[in-house]
């Protein structure tokens, strides 16, 4: 799974660099700014979607003894056990 992420990260990085170079060759500095802005917006959208899906799949546990993640829940269980 991590290797897939590395592969797609490398593909995205190379394609972003090629897009900036192509933008410079086609339209100069303004095109580079436009391409960089579009890449930034796409990346921000992707990150937002990933974090949003993680937040929505997290179990909703409320109260003073609620743990916000599995690691904290295990730590609390160990403390309660002692």
C-alpha atoms as a PDB file:
ATOM      1  CA  UNK A   1       0.000   0.000   0.000  1.00  0.00           C
ATOM      2  CA  UNK A   2       2.808   2.442   0.862  1.00  0.00           C
ATOM      3  CA  UNK A   3       4.571   1.625  -2.387  1.00  0.00           C
ATOM      4  CA  UNK A   4       1.435   2.541  -4.342  1.00  0.00           C
ATOM      5  CA  UNK A   5       1.382   5.895  -2.589  1.00  0.00           C
ATOM      6  CA  UNK A   6       5.042   6.462  -3.371  1.00  0.00           C
ATOM      7  CA  UNK A   7       4.487   5.555  -7.004  1.00  0.00           C
ATOM      8  CA  UNK A   8       1.530   7.892  -7.439  1.00  0.00           C
ATOM      9  CA  UNK A   9       3.347  10.630  -5.536  1.00  0.00           C
ATOM     10  CA  UNK A  10       6.282  10.323  -7.918  1.00  0.00           C
ATOM     11  CA  UNK A  11       3.964  10.335 -10.930  1.00  0.00           C
ATOM     12  CA  UNK A  12       2.214  13.446  -9.619  1.00  0.00           C
ATOM     13  CA  UNK A  13       5.520  15.201  -8.951  1.00  0.00           C
ATOM     14  CA  UNK A  14       6.930  14.464 -12.392  1.00  0.00           C
ATOM     15  CA  UNK A  15       3.699  15.428 -14.139  1.00  0.00           C
ATOM     16  CA  UNK A  16       3.540  18.681 -12.146  1.00  0.00           C
ATOM     17  CA  UNK A  17       7.101  19.546 -13.155  1.00  0.00           C
ATOM     18  CA  UNK A  18       6.370  18.758 -16.798  1.00  0.00           C
ATOM     19  CA  UNK A  19       3.189  20.834 -16.677  1.00  0.00           C
ATOM     20  CA  UNK A  20       5.106  23.840 -15.343  1.00  0.00           C
ATOM     21  CA  UNK A  21       7.780  23.495 -18.032  1.00  0.00           C
ATOM     22  CA  UNK A  22       5.126  23.104 -20.733  1.00  0.00           C
ATOM     23  CA  UNK A  23       3.294  26.134 -19.372  1.00  0.00           C
ATOM     24  CA  UNK A  24       6.454  28.200 -19.568  1.00  0.00           C
ATOM     25  CA  UNK A  25       7.164  27.088 -23.114  1.00  0.00           C
ATOM     26  CA  UNK A  26       3.597  27.763 -24.260  1.00  0.00           C
ATOM     27  CA  UNK A  27       2.667  30.952 -22.477  1.00  0.00           C
ATOM     28  CA  UNK A  28       5.501  32.272 -20.365  1.00  0.00           C
ATOM     29  CA  UNK A  29       5.412  33.251 -16.732  1.00  0.00           C
ATOM     30  CA  UNK A  30       1.655  33.824 -16.506  1.00  0.00           C
ATOM     31  CA  UNK A  31       0.975  30.301 -17.692  1.00  0.00           C
ATOM     32  CA  UNK A  32       3.380  28.922 -15.076  1.00  0.00           C
ATOM     33  CA  UNK A  33       1.427  30.765 -12.372  1.00  0.00           C
ATOM     34  CA  UNK A  34      -1.858  29.431 -13.740  1.00  0.00           C
ATOM     35  CA  UNK A  35      -0.570  25.850 -13.869  1.00  0.00           C
ATOM     36  CA  UNK A  36       0.893  26.091 -10.360  1.00  0.00           C
ATOM     37  CA  UNK A  37      -2.375  27.525  -9.014  1.00  0.00           C
ATOM     38  CA  UNK A  38      -4.408  24.755 -10.641  1.00  0.00           C
ATOM     39  CA  UNK A  39      -2.053  22.079  -9.264  1.00  0.00           C
ATOM     40  CA  UNK A  40      -2.287  23.579  -5.795  1.00  0.00           C
ATOM     41  CA  UNK A  41      -6.090  23.600  -5.873  1.00  0.00           C
ATOM     42  CA  UNK A  42      -6.245  20.013  -7.092  1.00  0.00           C
ATOM     43  CA  UNK A  43      -3.809  18.877  -4.401  1.00  0.00           C
ATOM     44  CA  UNK A  44      -5.703  20.743  -1.676  1.00  0.00           C
ATOM     45  CA  UNK A  45      -8.938  19.121  -2.819  1.00  0.00           C
ATOM     46  CA  UNK A  46      -7.345  15.682  -2.742  1.00  0.00           C
ATOM     47  CA  UNK A  47      -5.975  16.218   0.774  1.00  0.00           C
ATOM     48  CA  UNK A  48      -9.314  17.554   1.996  1.00  0.00           C
ATOM     49  CA  UNK A  49     -11.131  14.522   0.586  1.00  0.00           C
ATOM     50  CA  UNK A  50      -8.695  12.100   2.260  1.00  0.00           C
ATOM     51  CA  UNK A  51      -8.927  13.777   5.658  1.00  0.00           C
ATOM     52  CA  UNK A  52     -12.688  14.163   5.372  1.00  0.00           C
ATOM     53  CA  UNK A  53     -13.106  10.435   4.729  1.00  0.00           C
ATOM     54  CA  UNK A  54     -10.914   9.619   7.740  1.00  0.00           C
ATOM     55  CA  UNK A  55     -12.936  11.908   9.991  1.00  0.00           C
ATOM     56  CA  UNK A  56     -16.249  10.495   8.819  1.00  0.00           C
ATOM     57  CA  UNK A  57     -15.196   6.869   9.381  1.00  0.00           C
ATOM     58  CA  UNK A  58     -13.999   7.500  12.937  1.00  0.00           C
ATOM     59  CA  UNK A  59     -16.412   6.127  15.567  1.00  0.00           C
ATOM     60  CA  UNK A  60     -18.371   8.800  17.375  1.00  0.00           C
ATOM     61  CA  UNK A  61     -17.581   8.321  21.063  1.00  0.00           C
ATOM     62  CA  UNK A  62     -18.477  11.070  23.488  1.00  0.00           C
ATOM     63  CA  UNK A  63     -17.974  11.695  27.170  1.00  0.00           C
ATOM     64  CA  UNK A  64     -15.130  12.428  29.557  1.00  0.00           C
ATOM     65  CA  UNK A  65     -13.596   8.947  29.188  1.00  0.00           C
ATOM     66  CA  UNK A  66     -13.764   8.866  25.401  1.00  0.00           C
ATOM     67  CA  UNK A  67     -10.566   8.292  23.472  1.00  0.00           C
ATOM     68  CA  UNK A  68     -10.093  10.051  20.150  1.00  0.00           C
ATOM     69  CA  UNK A  69      -8.135   7.201  18.539  1.00  0.00           C
ATOM     70  CA  UNK A  70      -7.481   3.482  18.918  1.00  0.00           C
ATOM     71  CA  UNK A  71      -4.035   4.082  20.422  1.00  0.00           C
ATOM     72  CA  UNK A  72      -5.472   6.308  23.145  1.00  0.00           C
ATOM     73  CA  UNK A  73      -8.267   3.814  23.796  1.00  0.00           C
ATOM     74  CA  UNK A  74      -5.697   1.032  24.367  1.00  0.00           C
ATOM     75  CA  UNK A  75      -3.646   3.300  26.640  1.00  0.00           C
ATOM     76  CA  UNK A  76      -6.741   4.197  28.661  1.00  0.00           C
ATOM     77  CA  UNK A  77      -7.678   0.515  28.922  1.00  0.00           C
ATOM     78  CA  UNK A  78      -4.180  -0.304  30.227  1.00  0.00           C
ATOM     79  CA  UNK A  79      -4.404   2.476  32.811  1.00  0.00           C
ATOM     80  CA  UNK A  80      -7.863   1.351  33.906  1.00  0.00           C
ATOM     81  CA  UNK A  81      -6.654  -2.236  34.187  1.00  0.00           C
ATOM     82  CA  UNK A  82      -3.868  -1.302  36.617  1.00  0.00           C
END
